[in-house]
Amino acid sequence: MLQSPVRHPASAFDLFNVLYECLYEPSMHVVFQGTGEISVERLKTATLRLVAANPYLHTKFTIINDIPFWEELSKDLWERAFVIDSGIEPVPPDHMPLPLDVYSGPQIRVTLYQREGEDSNRICVTCHHGFCDARVILYLSRELFDLYHRLAREPDYIPEPVGLYDRTSRALLATYTEEELKHADANTQIFEDNWRFPQENTGRGIPNLAYLTLPETRMHAIKAYGKSHGASVHDILIAVFYLAMIRIRDNPQDYDSFRGILTSADMRRLLPATDIIYPMNYSIAFEIQLRIFEGAGLSDIIGNVTTELKYRKEGGLGPSCFTLFEDLHKNGISAVQTFFEGMNSKYESTGLKNPVLSNIGVIDLDWFNPQRKNDSHVLTLTDAWIIPCVSWPYCFLTVASTCNNRLTLIIGYEEGPYSKDTIEKFLKLMDVLLP
């Protein structure tokens, strides 16, 4: 007799983050370069034991009778979490990794890229944005490497089971007052799309990526500029992103008109500090609008950007970013589907979609590496890149991250609908505009 699969209810935020697949391909990747020896068997064992320890990692997303679930996979399917790529293609970030299918699982994939030559081996950790956010993929990577190194000392070590945990937004909503929750609907921010990144057509194309890594001296210059203007690195990136968008569009109507972009915030900052991060989504998008005059440069707009971002992060991000999804979810899957159909119809009819800049922040390799870094035989990570979700029109996403005090900007896009030349020109504009 066949045993019924074990299913765990998916939260409203789970469902919405999965269904955003209608706007982009939601796989995220963090790629690590390292020195020292890589034990393939130990890396595979670490991956599978990590998957075994968390009941949600060894699931697939499914919808049964209009109810979303995380359904546990049979153990023989957990093997899909580890892949060896010995192909001839370049390694990431010079090549786009394969996406992860949230409907097949598991919810993490570790790919070991094996190539001939020094520093050619890379380890790529992949998750789906429907399952978790970018902070989690870094945390899971750390757990993976910690386990990998521990297995060298204790081959029989089994990590403590995580157990089921609350994937809803309940803990976050509890941080708001009754008054804030009461007026959440009235304070819901409606994104006002009023421009788009230039595209060739609105079809689908070939997944590709483009990236730019600035030398360490540039980060020193960016921080010095920020210090003199009371701005953070994130403030400067947002301002430069605005200016680059205006220049790449070359549309006079953009001047002296309000134009919006989306950026992200990790709402875990509202919760008590902890060393444990449960794999789920706590990141939200929010919009800022600016009016830029013709001829304006970074120094002309940085003050407005800094003021706006400070306001949003110091109380301007209310509970509506969660209650909107919770309320729609309560009304059933048909209400959720209607929400996405309306969103898509709006983009198709207007041809407008505000671009997105997400700053992941600093990837601290000391957080991942073992303490015995002087042993040349021990795997030691030396560089890392975050590869974002792949966009097609009208969505457009740029991700920033910093590793080894070097800033990297990466754009995942579908070539064809978007022009490779235009994407690379946009990155060059950001390079020129940054201090």
Protein backbone atom coordinates (compact mmCIF):
# COMPACT_ATOMS: atom_id res chain seq x y z
CA MET A 1 0.00 0.00 0.00
CA LEU A 2 1.36 3.38 -1.03
CA GLN A 3 2.04 5.76 1.81
CA SER A 4 0.50 9.22 1.54
CA PRO A 5 3.11 11.96 1.06
CA VAL A 6 3.89 14.20 4.01
CA ARG A 7 2.75 17.75 3.30
CA HIS A 8 3.32 20.96 5.24
CA PRO A 9 1.12 24.03 4.60
CA ALA A 10 2.77 26.77 2.56
CA SER A 11 2.34 30.30 3.85
CA ALA A 12 0.83 33.22 1.99
CA PHE A 13 4.29 34.67 1.47
CA ASP A 14 5.48 31.30 0.13
CA LEU A 15 2.66 31.18 -2.40
CA PHE A 16 3.13 34.73 -3.64
CA ASN A 17 6.88 34.42 -3.96
CA VAL A 18 6.47 31.23 -5.99
CA LEU A 19 3.84 32.75 -8.28
CA TYR A 20 5.99 35.77 -9.04
CA GLU A 21 7.50 33.35 -11.57
CA CYS A 22 5.16 34.99 -14.07
CA LEU A 23 7.47 38.05 -13.99
CA TYR A 24 10.94 36.47 -13.83
CA GLU A 25 12.76 33.17 -13.32
CA PRO A 26 13.14 33.13 -9.51
CA SER A 27 16.29 31.02 -9.04
CA MET A 28 19.12 32.67 -7.07
CA HIS A 29 22.71 31.50 -6.96
CA VAL A 30 25.77 32.22 -4.84
CA VAL A 31 29.01 31.13 -6.47
CA PHE A 32 32.19 30.50 -4.50
CA GLN A 33 35.77 30.29 -5.70
CA GLY A 34 38.35 28.70 -3.46
CA THR A 35 41.82 27.29 -3.04
CA GLY A 36 42.81 23.94 -1.58
CA GLU A 37 41.45 20.49 -2.15
CA ILE A 38 37.76 19.74 -2.66
CA SER A 39 36.60 16.31 -1.53
CA VAL A 40 33.71 15.50 -3.86
CA GLU A 41 32.33 12.75 -1.65
CA ARG A 42 32.50 14.90 1.48
CA LEU A 43 30.83 17.84 -0.26
CA LYS A 44 28.05 15.53 -1.47
CA THR A 45 27.65 14.03 2.00
CA ALA A 46 27.49 17.51 3.55
CA THR A 47 24.83 18.53 1.03
CA LEU A 48 22.63 15.50 1.62
CA ARG A 49 22.91 15.72 5.41
CA LEU A 50 22.02 19.42 5.24
CA VAL A 51 18.97 18.51 3.15
CA ALA A 52 18.01 15.73 5.57
CA ALA A 53 18.22 18.02 8.61
CA ASN A 54 15.59 20.50 7.38
CA PRO A 55 12.17 19.06 6.46
CA TYR A 56 11.45 21.95 4.09
CA LEU A 57 14.70 21.54 2.15
CA HIS A 58 13.67 18.05 1.01
CA THR A 59 10.31 19.13 -0.38
CA LYS A 60 8.68 20.22 -3.59
CA PHE A 61 6.09 22.97 -3.85
CA THR A 62 2.66 21.78 -4.88
CA ILE A 63 -0.94 22.96 -4.93
CA ILE A 64 -3.57 20.34 -4.01
CA ASN A 65 -7.25 21.25 -4.26
CA ASP A 66 -6.28 24.94 -4.41
CA ILE A 67 -4.20 24.68 -1.21
CA PRO A 68 -0.41 25.22 -1.41
CA PHE A 69 1.93 22.79 0.33
CA TRP A 70 5.56 21.85 0.74
CA GLU A 71 5.46 18.11 0.03
CA GLU A 72 8.31 15.96 1.33
CA LEU A 73 10.23 13.98 -1.30
CA SER A 74 11.23 10.35 -1.04
CA LYS A 75 14.85 9.98 0.07
CA ASP A 76 16.01 8.68 -3.31
CA LEU A 77 15.13 12.09 -4.79
CA TRP A 78 17.29 14.01 -2.31
CA GLU A 79 20.29 13.05 -4.46
CA ARG A 80 19.23 15.75 -6.93
CA ALA A 81 20.52 18.32 -4.44
CA PHE A 82 24.12 17.61 -5.49
CA VAL A 83 25.39 17.95 -9.06
CA ILE A 84 28.83 17.69 -10.66
CA ASP A 85 29.25 19.81 -13.80
CA SER A 86 32.27 18.74 -15.86
CA GLY A 87 31.16 20.44 -19.07
CA ILE A 88 33.12 22.70 -21.37
CA GLU A 89 31.17 25.90 -20.78
CA PRO A 90 32.68 28.72 -18.71
CA VAL A 91 31.97 28.59 -14.99
CA PRO A 92 29.73 31.10 -13.21
CA PRO A 93 29.66 34.05 -13.03
CA ASP A 94 30.83 33.90 -16.66
CA HIS A 95 28.01 31.49 -17.42
CA MET A 96 24.42 31.37 -16.16
CA PRO A 97 23.77 28.41 -13.82
CA LEU A 98 20.72 26.25 -14.45
CA PRO A 99 17.53 27.24 -12.61
CA LEU A 100 16.03 25.26 -9.74
CA ASP A 101 12.54 23.82 -10.21
CA VAL A 102 10.58 24.63 -7.06
CA TYR A 103 7.89 22.16 -8.14
CA SER A 104 10.36 19.26 -8.28
CA GLY A 105 12.73 19.99 -5.38
CA PRO A 106 14.78 19.63 -3.31
CA GLN A 107 14.85 23.33 -2.39
CA ILE A 108 18.62 23.61 -2.57
CA ARG A 109 21.11 22.49 -5.18
CA VAL A 110 24.87 22.42 -4.76
CA THR A 111 26.78 22.30 -8.05
CA LEU A 112 30.48 21.54 -8.19
CA TYR A 113 31.93 22.94 -11.41
CA GLN A 114 35.05 20.98 -12.35
CA ARG A 115 37.32 22.42 -15.02
CA GLU A 116 40.98 22.14 -15.97
CA GLY A 117 43.24 24.93 -14.76
CA GLU A 118 44.00 26.87 -11.64
CA ASP A 119 41.08 28.49 -9.81
CA SER A 120 38.64 27.00 -12.33
CA ASN A 121 36.65 24.92 -9.84
CA ARG A 122 33.62 26.68 -8.40
CA ILE A 123 30.87 25.70 -5.97
CA CYS A 124 27.43 27.12 -6.68
CA VAL A 125 24.57 27.04 -4.17
CA THR A 126 21.15 27.54 -5.77
CA CYS A 127 17.75 28.21 -4.17
CA HIS A 128 14.38 29.44 -5.43
CA HIS A 129 13.02 32.81 -4.34
CA GLY A 130 9.69 31.13 -3.67
CA PHE A 131 11.41 29.17 -0.92
CA CYS A 132 13.75 31.75 0.62
CA ASP A 133 15.46 35.10 0.15
CA ALA A 134 19.06 36.05 -0.59
CA ARG A 135 20.11 36.25 3.05
CA VAL A 136 19.05 32.63 3.53
CA ILE A 137 21.04 31.33 0.57
CA LEU A 138 24.16 32.82 2.17
CA TYR A 139 23.25 31.29 5.53
CA LEU A 140 22.66 27.86 3.97
CA SER A 141 26.01 28.16 2.19
CA ARG A 142 27.69 28.80 5.51
CA GLU A 143 25.91 25.79 7.03
CA LEU A 144 27.09 23.69 4.08
CA PHE A 145 30.75 24.66 4.42
CA ASP A 146 30.68 24.34 8.22
CA LEU A 147 29.33 20.82 7.81
CA TYR A 148 31.85 20.03 5.06
CA HIS A 149 34.78 20.97 7.30
CA ARG A 150 33.33 19.23 10.35
CA LEU A 151 32.94 15.98 8.41
CA ALA A 152 36.70 16.03 7.82
CA ARG A 153 37.13 15.71 11.59
CA GLU A 154 33.99 13.71 12.37
CA PRO A 155 32.91 11.65 9.33
CA ASP A 156 29.88 10.25 11.17
CA TYR A 157 28.57 13.62 12.33
CA ILE A 158 24.85 14.16 11.74
CA PRO A 159 23.52 17.72 12.19
CA GLU A 160 20.67 18.28 14.61
CA PRO A 161 17.27 18.14 12.88
CA VAL A 162 15.80 21.60 12.44
CA GLY A 163 12.20 20.49 12.81
CA LEU A 164 9.17 22.25 11.39
CA TYR A 165 9.15 26.02 11.88
CA ASP A 166 6.71 28.85 11.28
CA ARG A 167 7.03 30.08 7.69
CA THR A 168 4.25 32.65 8.01
CA SER A 169 4.63 36.38 8.65
CA ARG A 170 3.04 36.00 12.10
CA ALA A 171 6.22 36.89 14.01
CA LEU A 172 6.75 40.02 11.94
CA LEU A 173 3.14 41.17 12.22
CA ALA A 174 3.44 40.80 16.00
CA THR A 175 6.05 43.59 16.00
CA TYR A 176 3.45 46.15 14.85
CA THR A 177 0.93 47.89 17.09
CA GLU A 178 -2.80 47.21 16.93
CA GLU A 179 -3.26 50.67 15.47
CA GLU A 180 -0.73 49.99 12.71
CA LEU A 181 -2.39 46.69 11.86
CA LYS A 182 -5.85 48.30 11.94
CA HIS A 183 -4.84 50.86 9.33
CA ALA A 184 -2.63 48.55 7.27
CA ASP A 185 -5.04 48.39 4.33
CA ALA A 186 -5.37 52.17 4.17
CA ASN A 187 -1.59 52.52 4.16
CA THR A 188 -0.91 49.91 1.50
CA GLN A 189 1.65 51.26 -0.95
CA ILE A 190 0.53 50.95 -4.54
CA PHE A 191 3.53 50.82 -6.84
CA GLU A 192 3.27 53.47 -9.57
CA ASP A 193 5.07 52.13 -12.62
CA ASN A 194 6.08 55.03 -14.85
CA TRP A 195 9.02 53.81 -16.94
CA ARG A 196 10.88 50.68 -18.00
CA PHE A 197 14.30 49.48 -19.02
CA PRO A 198 14.72 49.59 -22.84
CA GLN A 199 13.80 46.31 -24.52
CA GLU A 200 13.89 44.84 -28.02
CA ASN A 201 10.65 42.86 -27.76
CA THR A 202 8.35 41.32 -25.15
CA GLY A 203 8.94 37.65 -25.89
CA ARG A 204 11.20 35.18 -24.13
CA GLY A 205 14.86 34.59 -24.88
CA ILE A 206 18.09 32.96 -23.73
CA PRO A 207 19.06 33.32 -20.04
CA ASN A 208 22.25 35.33 -19.72
CA LEU A 209 24.06 37.53 -17.25
CA ALA A 210 26.36 40.51 -17.29
CA TYR A 211 28.47 41.74 -14.43
CA LEU A 212 30.95 44.40 -13.46
CA THR A 213 33.42 44.16 -10.56
CA LEU A 214 35.07 47.38 -9.46
CA PRO A 215 38.57 47.42 -7.94
CA GLU A 216 39.02 47.90 -4.21
CA THR A 217 40.08 51.52 -4.72
CA ARG A 218 36.61 52.32 -6.00
CA MET A 219 34.96 51.08 -2.82
CA HIS A 220 37.27 53.38 -0.85
CA ALA A 221 36.16 56.27 -3.09
CA ILE A 222 32.46 55.37 -2.73
CA LYS A 223 32.72 55.22 1.06
CA ALA A 224 34.64 58.51 1.18
CA TYR A 225 31.98 60.17 -0.96
CA GLY A 226 29.26 58.77 1.28
CA LYS A 227 30.99 60.03 4.40
CA SER A 228 31.24 63.55 3.01
CA HIS A 229 27.57 63.54 1.96
CA GLY A 230 26.04 61.67 4.89
CA ALA A 231 25.11 58.76 2.63
CA SER A 232 25.54 55.00 2.79
CA VAL A 233 26.87 52.82 -0.02
CA HIS A 234 23.28 51.72 -0.61
CA ASP A 235 22.11 55.33 -0.92
CA ILE A 236 24.80 55.99 -3.52
CA LEU A 237 23.92 52.85 -5.48
CA ILE A 238 20.25 53.84 -5.61
CA ALA A 239 21.09 57.37 -6.79
CA VAL A 240 23.48 56.10 -9.48
CA PHE A 241 20.91 53.51 -10.58
CA TYR A 242 18.42 56.34 -11.15
CA LEU A 243 20.92 58.38 -13.15
CA ALA A 244 21.99 55.40 -15.26
CA MET A 245 18.35 54.57 -16.04
CA ILE A 246 17.72 58.11 -17.26
CA ARG A 247 20.80 58.04 -19.47
CA ILE A 248 20.16 54.58 -20.95
CA ARG A 249 16.57 55.53 -21.80
CA ASP A 250 17.54 58.91 -23.27
CA ASN A 251 13.94 60.10 -23.02
CA PRO A 252 13.42 63.85 -22.34
CA GLN A 253 10.10 63.06 -20.63
CA ASP A 254 11.98 61.44 -17.75
CA TYR A 255 13.31 64.80 -16.60
CA ASP A 256 11.33 66.84 -14.08
CA SER A 257 8.92 63.89 -13.72
CA PHE A 258 8.56 61.46 -10.87
CA ARG A 259 10.14 58.12 -11.68
CA GLY A 260 10.18 55.12 -9.36
CA ILE A 261 12.45 52.22 -8.62
CA LEU A 262 12.06 49.26 -6.29
CA THR A 263 14.61 48.15 -3.76
CA SER A 264 14.49 45.59 -0.97
CA ALA A 265 14.62 45.38 2.80
CA ASP A 266 15.24 42.40 5.07
CA MET A 267 12.46 42.60 7.64
CA ARG A 268 14.30 40.30 10.04
CA ARG A 269 15.65 43.54 11.50
CA LEU A 270 12.31 43.85 13.32
CA LEU A 271 12.86 40.54 15.12
CA PRO A 272 15.15 39.76 18.08
CA ALA A 273 18.73 39.12 17.00
CA THR A 274 19.65 35.46 16.59
CA ASP A 275 22.41 33.37 15.07
CA ILE A 276 19.84 30.99 13.57
CA ILE A 277 18.15 31.91 10.31
CA TYR A 278 15.27 29.69 9.27
CA PRO A 279 15.13 29.26 5.48
CA MET A 280 12.15 31.33 4.32
CA ASN A 281 11.28 34.72 2.86
CA TYR A 282 11.46 37.79 5.06
CA SER A 283 12.60 40.20 2.34
CA ILE A 284 10.15 42.71 0.90
CA ALA A 285 10.26 45.17 -1.98
CA PHE A 286 9.42 48.83 -1.56
CA GLU A 287 9.31 51.76 -3.93
CA ILE A 288 10.87 55.19 -3.86
CA GLN A 289 9.99 57.99 -6.27
CA LEU A 290 12.33 60.79 -7.34
CA ARG A 291 12.08 63.77 -9.64
CA ILE A 292 15.34 64.49 -11.40
CA PHE A 293 16.05 67.61 -13.41
CA GLU A 294 17.97 67.61 -16.67
CA GLY A 295 21.70 67.85 -16.13
CA ALA A 296 21.50 66.62 -12.53
CA GLY A 297 24.39 64.59 -11.20
CA LEU A 298 25.01 62.45 -8.16
CA SER A 299 25.63 65.38 -5.82
CA ASP A 300 22.31 66.94 -6.88
CA ILE A 301 20.16 63.97 -5.89
CA ILE A 302 22.03 62.08 -3.17
CA GLY A 303 20.46 64.16 -0.39
CA ASN A 304 16.91 63.33 -1.52
CA VAL A 305 17.74 59.64 -1.89
CA THR A 306 19.28 59.48 1.58
CA THR A 307 16.30 61.24 3.16
CA GLU A 308 13.75 59.02 1.43
CA LEU A 309 15.50 55.75 2.27
CA LYS A 310 16.02 56.78 5.89
CA TYR A 311 12.32 57.55 6.25
CA ARG A 312 11.27 54.25 4.70
CA LYS A 313 13.59 52.15 6.85
CA GLU A 314 12.84 54.00 10.09
CA GLY A 315 9.12 53.37 10.12
CA GLY A 316 7.94 53.90 6.58
CA LEU A 317 7.66 50.16 5.92
CA GLY A 318 4.38 49.25 7.55
CA PRO A 319 2.64 45.89 7.92
CA SER A 320 0.73 46.25 4.65
CA CYS A 321 3.59 44.58 2.78
CA PHE A 322 2.52 41.38 4.59
CA THR A 323 -1.19 41.90 5.30
CA LEU A 324 -1.89 42.40 1.59
CA PHE A 325 -0.70 38.87 0.86
CA GLU A 326 -2.30 37.40 3.97
CA ASP A 327 -5.71 38.88 3.11
CA LEU A 328 -5.62 37.68 -0.49
CA HIS A 329 -4.47 34.25 0.65
CA LYS A 330 -7.47 33.98 3.00
CA ASN A 331 -9.77 34.53 0.02
CA GLY A 332 -8.42 31.46 -1.74
CA ILE A 333 -6.21 30.62 -4.68
CA SER A 334 -8.62 32.23 -7.16
CA ALA A 335 -8.13 35.62 -5.49
CA VAL A 336 -4.37 35.17 -5.67
CA GLN A 337 -4.52 34.20 -9.34
CA THR A 338 -6.73 37.21 -10.07
CA PHE A 339 -4.12 39.42 -8.38
CA PHE A 340 -1.36 38.16 -10.68
CA GLU A 341 -3.57 38.26 -13.78
CA GLY A 342 -4.35 41.90 -13.02
CA MET A 343 -0.69 42.68 -12.50
CA ASN A 344 0.30 41.09 -15.79
CA SER A 345 -2.54 42.79 -17.65
CA LYS A 346 -1.41 46.16 -16.33
CA TYR A 347 2.17 45.62 -17.50
CA GLU A 348 1.02 44.39 -20.91
CA SER A 349 -1.36 47.30 -21.44
CA THR A 350 0.94 50.06 -20.21
CA GLY A 351 4.35 48.63 -21.12
CA LEU A 352 5.66 50.09 -17.86
CA LYS A 353 7.48 48.38 -14.98
CA ASN A 354 9.76 50.14 -12.53
CA PRO A 355 13.28 48.63 -12.40
CA VAL A 356 14.69 46.98 -9.28
CA LEU A 357 18.03 47.38 -7.51
CA SER A 358 18.77 44.98 -4.67
CA ASN A 359 21.89 45.47 -2.58
CA ILE A 360 22.81 42.22 -0.83
CA GLY A 361 25.60 43.94 1.09
CA VAL A 362 28.90 42.43 2.19
CA ILE A 363 29.74 38.77 1.64
CA ASP A 364 32.25 38.19 4.44
CA LEU A 365 34.38 35.17 3.52
CA ASP A 366 35.67 34.91 7.10
CA TRP A 367 32.10 33.93 7.98
CA PHE A 368 32.38 30.88 5.70
CA ASN A 369 36.00 29.80 6.02
CA PRO A 370 37.56 27.51 8.65
CA GLN A 371 39.89 29.05 11.20
CA ARG A 372 42.89 27.05 9.92
CA LYS A 373 43.28 29.14 6.77
CA ASN A 374 47.05 28.62 6.68
CA ASP A 375 46.61 24.98 5.58
CA SER A 376 46.91 24.95 1.78
CA HIS A 377 45.16 21.57 1.60
CA VAL A 378 41.98 22.83 3.29
CA LEU A 379 39.28 24.31 1.07
CA THR A 380 39.40 28.07 1.63
CA LEU A 381 36.95 30.36 -0.14
CA THR A 382 38.59 33.33 -1.84
CA ASP A 383 35.77 35.03 -3.75
CA ALA A 384 31.99 34.97 -4.09
CA TRP A 385 29.27 36.31 -6.37
CA ILE A 386 25.50 36.56 -6.00
CA ILE A 387 23.69 35.80 -9.27
CA PRO A 388 20.14 37.17 -9.26
CA CYS A 389 16.86 36.01 -10.71
CA VAL A 390 16.62 36.21 -14.51
CA SER A 391 14.33 38.95 -15.82
CA TRP A 392 12.46 39.42 -19.06
CA PRO A 393 10.36 42.46 -20.06
CA TYR A 394 9.05 44.30 -18.40
CA CYS A 395 10.90 43.22 -15.26
CA PHE A 396 14.51 44.41 -14.78
CA LEU A 397 16.74 43.62 -11.80
CA THR A 398 20.29 44.61 -10.86
CA VAL A 399 21.95 43.07 -7.80
CA ALA A 400 24.89 44.60 -5.94
CA SER A 401 27.16 42.77 -3.52
CA THR A 402 30.58 43.38 -2.02
CA CYS A 403 33.28 40.76 -1.47
CA ASN A 404 36.94 41.38 -0.63
CA ASN A 405 36.00 45.08 -0.50
CA ARG A 406 35.17 44.97 -4.22
CA LEU A 407 31.72 45.95 -5.45
CA THR A 408 30.07 43.72 -8.06
CA LEU A 409 26.96 44.60 -10.06
CA ILE A 410 25.20 41.68 -11.77
CA ILE A 411 22.19 41.63 -14.08
CA GLY A 412 20.37 38.40 -14.94
CA TYR A 413 18.34 38.80 -18.12
CA GLU A 414 16.94 36.99 -21.13
CA GLU A 415 18.88 37.90 -24.24
CA GLY A 416 16.65 38.60 -27.21
CA PRO A 417 13.96 40.56 -25.37
CA TYR A 418 16.86 42.48 -23.83
CA SER A 419 19.94 43.47 -25.82
CA LYS A 420 23.30 42.31 -24.50
CA ASP A 421 24.86 45.55 -25.74
CA THR A 422 22.28 47.68 -23.91
CA ILE A 423 22.73 45.72 -20.68
CA GLU A 424 26.52 46.11 -20.83
CA LYS A 425 26.19 49.80 -21.69
CA PHE A 426 24.01 50.24 -18.60
CA LEU A 427 26.68 48.67 -16.39
CA LYS A 428 29.31 50.96 -17.92
CA LEU A 429 27.09 53.95 -17.14
CA MET A 430 26.89 52.90 -13.50
CA ASP A 431 30.68 52.52 -13.50
CA VAL A 432 31.13 56.06 -14.83
CA LEU A 433 28.56 57.55 -12.45
CA LEU A 434 29.87 55.90 -9.27
CA PRO A 435 32.57 57.83 -7.36
